PDB file of N, CA and C in Angstrom:
ATOM      1  N   UNK A   1       0.911  -1.590  -0.331  1.00  0.00           N
ATOM      2  CA  UNK A   1      -0.042   0.055   0.097  1.00  0.00           C
ATOM      3  C   UNK A   1       1.003   1.193  -0.304  1.00  0.00           C
ATOM      4  N   UNK A   2       0.613   2.461  -0.725  1.00  0.00           N
ATOM      5  CA  UNK A   2       1.200   3.637  -1.109  1.00  0.00           C
ATOM      6  C   UNK A   2       0.798   4.186  -0.033  1.00  0.00           C
ATOM      7  N   UNK A   3       2.116   5.078   0.419  1.00  0.00           N
ATOM      8  CA  UNK A   3       2.248   6.360   1.411  1.00  0.00           C
ATOM      9  C   UNK A   3       1.092   7.447   1.048  1.00  0.00           C
ATOM     10  N   UNK A   4       0.179   7.840   1.690  1.00  0.00           N
ATOM     11  CA  UNK A   4      -0.624   8.944   1.340  1.00  0.00           C
ATOM     12  C   UNK A   4      -0.290  10.414   2.118  1.00  0.00           C
ATOM     13  N   UNK A   5       0.175  11.165   0.716  1.00  0.00           N
ATOM     14  CA  UNK A   5       0.588  12.389   1.063  1.00  0.00           C
ATOM     15  C   UNK A   5       0.120  13.760   1.490  1.00  0.00           C
ATOM     16  N   UNK A   6      -1.213  13.488   0.394  1.00  0.00           N
ATOM     17  CA  UNK A   6      -1.967  14.518   0.790  1.00  0.00           C
ATOM     18  C   UNK A   6      -3.464  13.901   1.080  1.00  0.00           C
ATOM     19  N   UNK A   7      -4.032  14.861   2.299  1.00  0.00           N
ATOM     20  CA  UNK A   7      -5.178  14.046   3.406  1.00  0.00           C
ATOM     21  C   UNK A   7      -6.590  13.993   1.960  1.00  0.00           C
ATOM     22  N   UNK A   8      -7.178  13.325   2.963  1.00  0.00           N
ATOM     23  CA  UNK A   8      -9.028  13.451   2.000  1.00  0.00           C
ATOM     24  C   UNK A   8     -10.006  14.216   2.251  1.00  0.00           C
ATOM     25  N   UNK A   9      -9.589  14.674   3.296  1.00  0.00           N
ATOM     26  CA  UNK A   9     -10.447  16.091   4.240  1.00  0.00           C
ATOM     27  C   UNK A   9     -10.413  16.804   3.071  1.00  0.00           C
ATOM     28  N   UNK A  10      -9.351  17.531   2.276  1.00  0.00           N
ATOM     29  CA  UNK A  10      -9.164  18.607   1.482  1.00  0.00           C
ATOM     30  C   UNK A  10     -10.355  18.316   0.037  1.00  0.00           C
ATOM     31  N   UNK A  11     -10.025  16.723  -0.018  1.00  0.00           N
ATOM     32  CA  UNK A  11     -11.027  16.967  -1.513  1.00  0.00           C
ATOM     33  C   UNK A  11     -12.089  16.359  -1.173  1.00  0.00           C
ATOM     34  N   UNK A  12     -12.563  16.450  -0.076  1.00  0.00           N
ATOM     35  CA  UNK A  12     -14.116  16.580   0.551  1.00  0.00           C
ATOM     36  C   UNK A  12     -15.045  18.079  -0.466  1.00  0.00           C
ATOM     37  N   UNK A  13     -13.574  18.967   0.530  1.00  0.00           N
ATOM     38  CA  UNK A  13     -13.801  20.562   0.213  1.00  0.00           C
ATOM     39  C   UNK A  13     -13.664  21.021  -1.143  1.00  0.00           C
ATOM     40  N   UNK A  14     -13.050  20.386  -1.893  1.00  0.00           N
ATOM     41  CA  UNK A  14     -12.679  20.984  -3.264  1.00  0.00           C
ATOM     42  C   UNK A  14     -13.877  20.540  -3.703  1.00  0.00           C
ATOM     43  N   UNK A  15     -14.165  19.231  -3.425  1.00  0.00           N
ATOM     44  CA  UNK A  15     -15.602  18.620  -4.562  1.00  0.00           C
ATOM     45  C   UNK A  15     -16.529  19.289  -3.992  1.00  0.00           C
ATOM     46  N   UNK A  16     -16.636  19.576  -2.463  1.00  0.00           N
ATOM     47  CA  UNK A  16     -17.826  20.819  -2.666  1.00  0.00           C
ATOM     48  C   UNK A  16     -17.801  21.907  -3.145  1.00  0.00           C
ATOM     49  N   UNK A  17     -16.386  22.083  -3.154  1.00  0.00           N
ATOM     50  CA  UNK A  17     -16.428  24.001  -3.801  1.00  0.00           C
ATOM     51  C   UNK A  17     -17.220  24.251  -5.437  1.00  0.00           C
ATOM     52  N   UNK A  18     -16.776  23.092  -5.832  1.00  0.00           N
ATOM     53  CA  UNK A  18     -16.898  22.513  -7.479  1.00  0.00           C
ATOM     54  C   UNK A  18     -18.118  22.655  -7.422  1.00  0.00           C
ATOM     55  N   UNK A  19     -18.837  22.652  -6.449  1.00  0.00           N
ATOM     56  CA  UNK A  19     -20.875  22.238  -6.476  1.00  0.00           C
ATOM     57  C   UNK A  19     -21.515  21.423  -5.941  1.00  0.00           C
ATOM     58  N   UNK A  20     -20.612  20.431  -5.806  1.00  0.00           N
ATOM     59  CA  UNK A  20     -21.017  18.742  -5.275  1.00  0.00           C
ATOM     60  C   UNK A  20     -21.900  19.548  -4.135  1.00  0.00           C
ATOM     61  N   UNK A  21     -23.264  18.522  -4.151  1.00  0.00           N
ATOM     62  CA  UNK A  21     -24.366  18.777  -3.029  1.00  0.00           C
ATOM     63  C   UNK A  21     -23.885  17.824  -1.919  1.00  0.00           C
ATOM     64  N   UNK A  22     -23.456  16.546  -2.321  1.00  0.00           N
ATOM     65  CA  UNK A  22     -22.907  15.152  -1.543  1.00  0.00           C
ATOM     66  C   UNK A  22     -21.881  14.516  -2.063  1.00  0.00           C
ATOM     67  N   UNK A  23     -20.834  14.001  -1.557  1.00  0.00           N
ATOM     68  CA  UNK A  23     -19.798  13.539  -1.903  1.00  0.00           C
ATOM     69  C   UNK A  23     -19.433  11.760  -0.929  1.00  0.00           C
ATOM     70  N   UNK A  24     -19.382  11.390  -1.918  1.00  0.00           N
ATOM     71  CA  UNK A  24     -19.202   9.542  -1.223  1.00  0.00           C
ATOM     72  C   UNK A  24     -17.649   9.498  -0.932  1.00  0.00           C
ATOM     73  N   UNK A  25     -17.216   8.596  -0.136  1.00  0.00           N
ATOM     74  CA  UNK A  25     -15.712   8.891   0.249  1.00  0.00           C
ATOM     75  C   UNK A  25     -14.984   8.176  -0.551  1.00  0.00           C
ATOM     76  N   UNK A  26     -15.722   7.227  -1.792  1.00  0.00           N
ATOM     77  CA  UNK A  26     -14.621   6.868  -3.264  1.00  0.00           C
ATOM     78  C   UNK A  26     -14.384   7.511  -3.658  1.00  0.00           C
ATOM     79  N   UNK A  27     -15.164   8.954  -4.153  1.00  0.00           N
ATOM     80  CA  UNK A  27     -15.059   9.875  -5.293  1.00  0.00           C
ATOM     81  C   UNK A  27     -13.739  11.001  -4.317  1.00  0.00           C
ATOM     82  N   UNK A  28     -13.579  11.178  -3.029  1.00  0.00           N
ATOM     83  CA  UNK A  28     -12.908  11.689  -2.394  1.00  0.00           C
ATOM     84  C   UNK A  28     -11.855  11.229  -2.463  1.00  0.00           C
ATOM     85  N   UNK A  29     -11.628   9.836  -1.979  1.00  0.00           N
ATOM     86  CA  UNK A  29     -10.430   9.210  -2.347  1.00  0.00           C
ATOM     87  C   UNK A  29      -9.758   9.013  -3.533  1.00  0.00           C
ATOM     88  N   UNK A  30     -10.724   8.824  -4.587  1.00  0.00           N
ATOM     89  CA  UNK A  30     -10.583   8.980  -6.048  1.00  0.00           C
ATOM     90  C   UNK A  30      -9.580  10.038  -6.492  1.00  0.00           C
ATOM     91  N   UNK A  31     -10.207  11.307  -6.289  1.00  0.00           N
ATOM     92  CA  UNK A  31      -9.753  12.481  -5.983  1.00  0.00           C
ATOM     93  C   UNK A  31      -8.486  12.234  -5.797  1.00  0.00           C
ATOM     94  N   UNK A  32      -8.287  12.248  -4.308  1.00  0.00           N
ATOM     95  CA  UNK A  32      -7.115  12.331  -3.909  1.00  0.00           C
ATOM     96  C   UNK A  32      -6.127  11.598  -4.994  1.00  0.00           C
ATOM     97  N   UNK A  33      -6.485  10.622  -5.171  1.00  0.00           N
ATOM     98  CA  UNK A  33      -5.340   9.371  -5.588  1.00  0.00           C
ATOM     99  C   UNK A  33      -4.749  10.109  -6.761  1.00  0.00           C
ATOM    100  N   UNK A  34      -5.741  10.829  -7.876  1.00  0.00           N
ATOM    101  CA  UNK A  34      -5.729  11.350  -8.799  1.00  0.00           C
ATOM    102  C   UNK A  34      -4.389  12.745  -8.896  1.00  0.00           C
ATOM    103  N   UNK A  35      -5.178  13.334  -8.003  1.00  0.00           N
ATOM    104  CA  UNK A  35      -4.439  14.265  -7.545  1.00  0.00           C
ATOM    105  C   UNK A  35      -2.761  14.258  -7.064  1.00  0.00           C
ATOM    106  N   UNK A  36      -2.771  13.311  -6.260  1.00  0.00           N
ATOM    107  CA  UNK A  36      -1.286  13.058  -5.877  1.00  0.00           C
ATOM    108  C   UNK A  36      -0.593  11.988  -7.059  1.00  0.00           C
ATOM    109  N   UNK A  37      -1.229  11.676  -7.795  1.00  0.00           N
ATOM    110  CA  UNK A  37      -0.586  11.205  -9.161  1.00  0.00           C
ATOM    111  C   UNK A  37      -0.046  12.075 -10.149  1.00  0.00           C
ATOM    112  N   UNK A  38      -0.988  13.455  -9.992  1.00  0.00           N
ATOM    113  CA  UNK A  38      -0.632  14.353 -11.008  1.00  0.00           C
ATOM    114  C   UNK A  38       0.621  14.938 -10.519  1.00  0.00           C
ATOM    115  N   UNK A  39       0.404  15.605  -8.871  1.00  0.00           N
ATOM    116  CA  UNK A  39       1.664  16.246  -8.323  1.00  0.00           C
ATOM    117  C   UNK A  39       2.807  15.601  -8.209  1.00  0.00           C
ATOM    118  N   UNK A  40       2.778  14.360  -7.982  1.00  0.00           N
ATOM    119  CA  UNK A  40       4.053  13.235  -8.550  1.00  0.00           C
ATOM    120  C   UNK A  40       4.607  13.220  -9.816  1.00  0.00           C
ATOM    121  N   UNK A  41       3.680  13.423 -11.167  1.00  0.00           N
ATOM    122  CA  UNK A  41       4.180  13.325 -12.227  1.00  0.00           C
ATOM    123  C   UNK A  41       4.812  15.519 -12.702  1.00  0.00           C
ATOM    124  N   UNK A  42       4.531  16.075 -12.138  1.00  0.00           N
ATOM    125  CA  UNK A  42       4.660  17.330 -12.360  1.00  0.00           C
ATOM    126  C   UNK A  42       5.650  17.638 -11.374  1.00  0.00           C
ATOM    127  N   UNK A  43       6.121  16.838  -9.886  1.00  0.00           N
ATOM    128  CA  UNK A  43       7.472  17.177  -9.285  1.00  0.00           C
ATOM    129  C   UNK A  43       8.518  16.816 -10.338  1.00  0.00           C
ATOM    130  N   UNK A  44       8.212  15.765 -10.820  1.00  0.00           N
ATOM    131  CA  UNK A  44       9.381  14.817 -11.695  1.00  0.00           C
ATOM    132  C   UNK A  44       9.618  15.636 -12.783  1.00  0.00           C
ATOM    133  N   UNK A  45       8.868  16.007 -13.729  1.00  0.00           N
ATOM    134  CA  UNK A  45       8.914  16.540 -14.917  1.00  0.00           C
ATOM    135  C   UNK A  45       9.727  18.104 -14.200  1.00  0.00           C
ATOM    136  N   UNK A  46       9.560  18.915 -13.164  1.00  0.00           N
ATOM    137  CA  UNK A  46      10.114  19.865 -12.723  1.00  0.00           C
ATOM    138  C   UNK A  46      11.519  19.952 -11.963  1.00  0.00           C
ATOM    139  N   UNK A  47      11.897  18.275 -11.511  1.00  0.00           N
ATOM    140  CA  UNK A  47      12.988  17.819 -11.195  1.00  0.00           C
ATOM    141  C   UNK A  47      14.326  17.698 -12.276  1.00  0.00           C
ATOM    142  N   UNK A  48      13.392  17.216 -13.320  1.00  0.00           N
ATOM    143  CA  UNK A  48      13.878  17.013 -14.584  1.00  0.00           C
ATOM    144  C   UNK A  48      14.489  18.376 -15.220  1.00  0.00           C
ATOM    145  N   UNK A  49      13.776  19.317 -15.320  1.00  0.00           N
ATOM    146  CA  UNK A  49      14.297  20.996 -15.737  1.00  0.00           C
ATOM    147  C   UNK A  49      15.348  21.687 -14.928  1.00  0.00           C
ATOM    148  N   UNK A  50      15.296  21.253 -13.726  1.00  0.00           N
ATOM    149  CA  UNK A  50      16.086  21.886 -12.845  1.00  0.00           C
ATOM    150  C   UNK A  50      17.812  21.473 -13.051  1.00  0.00           C
ATOM    151  N   UNK A  51      17.490  19.808 -13.299  1.00  0.00           N
ATOM    152  CA  UNK A  51      18.657  19.033 -13.794  1.00  0.00           C
ATOM    153  C   UNK A  51      19.054  19.653 -14.749  1.00  0.00           C
ATOM    154  N   UNK A  52      18.338  19.648 -16.163  1.00  0.00           N
ATOM    155  CA  UNK A  52      19.064  20.362 -17.415  1.00  0.00           C
ATOM    156  C   UNK A  52      19.650  21.757 -17.330  1.00  0.00           C
ATOM    157  N   UNK A  53      19.163  22.441 -16.229  1.00  0.00           N
ATOM    158  CA  UNK A  53      19.686  23.760 -15.976  1.00  0.00           C
ATOM    159  C   UNK A  53      20.845  23.517 -15.308  1.00  0.00           C
ATOM    160  N   UNK A  54      21.518  22.122 -14.815  1.00  0.00           N
ATOM    161  CA  UNK A  54      22.486  22.076 -13.860  1.00  0.00           C
ATOM    162  C   UNK A  54      22.333  22.910 -12.340  1.00  0.00           C
ATOM    163  N   UNK A  55      21.169  22.706 -12.265  1.00  0.00           N
ATOM    164  CA  UNK A  55      20.739  22.926 -10.770  1.00  0.00           C
ATOM    165  C   UNK A  55      20.148  21.551  -9.953  1.00  0.00           C
ATOM    166  N   UNK A  56      20.413  22.013  -8.788  1.00  0.00           N
ATOM    167  CA  UNK A  56      20.010  20.850  -7.796  1.00  0.00           C
ATOM    168  C   UNK A  56      18.203  21.789  -7.402  1.00  0.00           C
ATOM    169  N   UNK A  57      18.372  22.648  -7.280  1.00  0.00           N
ATOM    170  CA  UNK A  57      17.320  23.709  -6.585  1.00  0.00           C
ATOM    171  C   UNK A  57      16.211  23.504  -7.700  1.00  0.00           C
ATOM    172  N   UNK A  58      14.974  23.076  -6.987  1.00  0.00           N
ATOM    173  CA  UNK A  58      13.518  23.380  -8.181  1.00  0.00           C
ATOM    174  C   UNK A  58      13.423  24.520  -7.754  1.00  0.00           C
ATOM    175  N   UNK A  59      13.288  24.964  -8.528  1.00  0.00           N
ATOM    176  CA  UNK A  59      12.545  26.479  -8.793  1.00  0.00           C
ATOM    177  C   UNK A  59      11.013  26.875  -8.847  1.00  0.00           C
ATOM    178  N   UNK A  60      10.501  27.993  -8.810  1.00  0.00           N
ATOM    179  CA  UNK A  60       8.955  27.804  -9.414  1.00  0.00           C
ATOM    180  C   UNK A  60       8.946  27.899 -10.669  1.00  0.00           C
ATOM    181  N   UNK A  61      10.006  28.164 -10.959  1.00  0.00           N
ATOM    182  CA  UNK A  61      10.010  28.644 -12.883  1.00  0.00           C
ATOM    183  C   UNK A  61       9.921  26.805 -13.358  1.00  0.00           C
ATOM    184  N   UNK A  62      10.270  26.444 -12.908  1.00  0.00           N
ATOM    185  CA  UNK A  62      10.458  24.721 -13.022  1.00  0.00           C
ATOM    186  C   UNK A  62       8.996  24.024 -12.815  1.00  0.00           C
ATOM    187  N   UNK A  63       8.208  24.475 -11.948  1.00  0.00           N
ATOM    188  CA  UNK A  63       7.423  23.865 -11.584  1.00  0.00           C
ATOM    189  C   UNK A  63       6.146  24.747 -12.870  1.00  0.00           C
ATOM    190  N   UNK A  64       6.171  26.163 -12.724  1.00  0.00           N
ATOM    191  CA  UNK A  64       5.511  26.224 -14.095  1.00  0.00           C
ATOM    192  C   UNK A  64       5.804  25.783 -15.144  1.00  0.00           C
ATOM    193  N   UNK A  65       6.773  25.680 -15.618  1.00  0.00           N
ATOM    194  CA  UNK A  65       6.924  25.208 -17.086  1.00  0.00           C
ATOM    195  C   UNK A  65       6.335  23.642 -17.276  1.00  0.00           C
ATOM    196  N   UNK A  66       7.000  22.993 -16.055  1.00  0.00           N
ATOM    197  CA  UNK A  66       6.245  21.709 -16.118  1.00  0.00           C
ATOM    198  C   UNK A  66       4.665  21.321 -15.887  1.00  0.00           C
ATOM    199  N   UNK A  67       4.302  22.552 -15.477  1.00  0.00           N
ATOM    200  CA  UNK A  67       2.732  22.442 -15.176  1.00  0.00           C
ATOM    201  C   UNK A  67       2.303  22.787 -16.949  1.00  0.00           C
ATOM    202  N   UNK A  68       2.766  23.677 -17.765  1.00  0.00           N
ATOM    203  CA  UNK A  68       2.022  23.905 -19.246  1.00  0.00           C
ATOM    204  C   UNK A  68       1.471  22.626 -20.085  1.00  0.00           C
ATOM    205  N   UNK A  69       0.761  23.271 -20.755  1.00  0.00           N
ATOM    206  CA  UNK A  69       0.435  22.022 -21.813  1.00  0.00           C
ATOM    207  C   UNK A  69       1.467  21.514 -22.479  1.00  0.00           C
ATOM    208  N   UNK A  70       1.410  20.484 -23.294  1.00  0.00           N
ATOM    209  CA  UNK A  70       2.617  20.020 -24.031  1.00  0.00           C
ATOM    210  C   UNK A  70       2.362  20.457 -25.470  1.00  0.00           C
TER     211      UNK A  70
END
């Protein structure tokens, strides 16, 4: 079982903010999983960009560039 870095409670709040009247625990958990997967992929691309710039430090610009559509 993989460790969770993001809690499920914020996912309930996000779904409610998006207009959901009721939120199932399965939907909140699935949103958490999808969000973590996306964040991890974004972080990996950001680290790669920092490496290409010969830096060990990931900067905000690396994250912004990684988040841009291809």
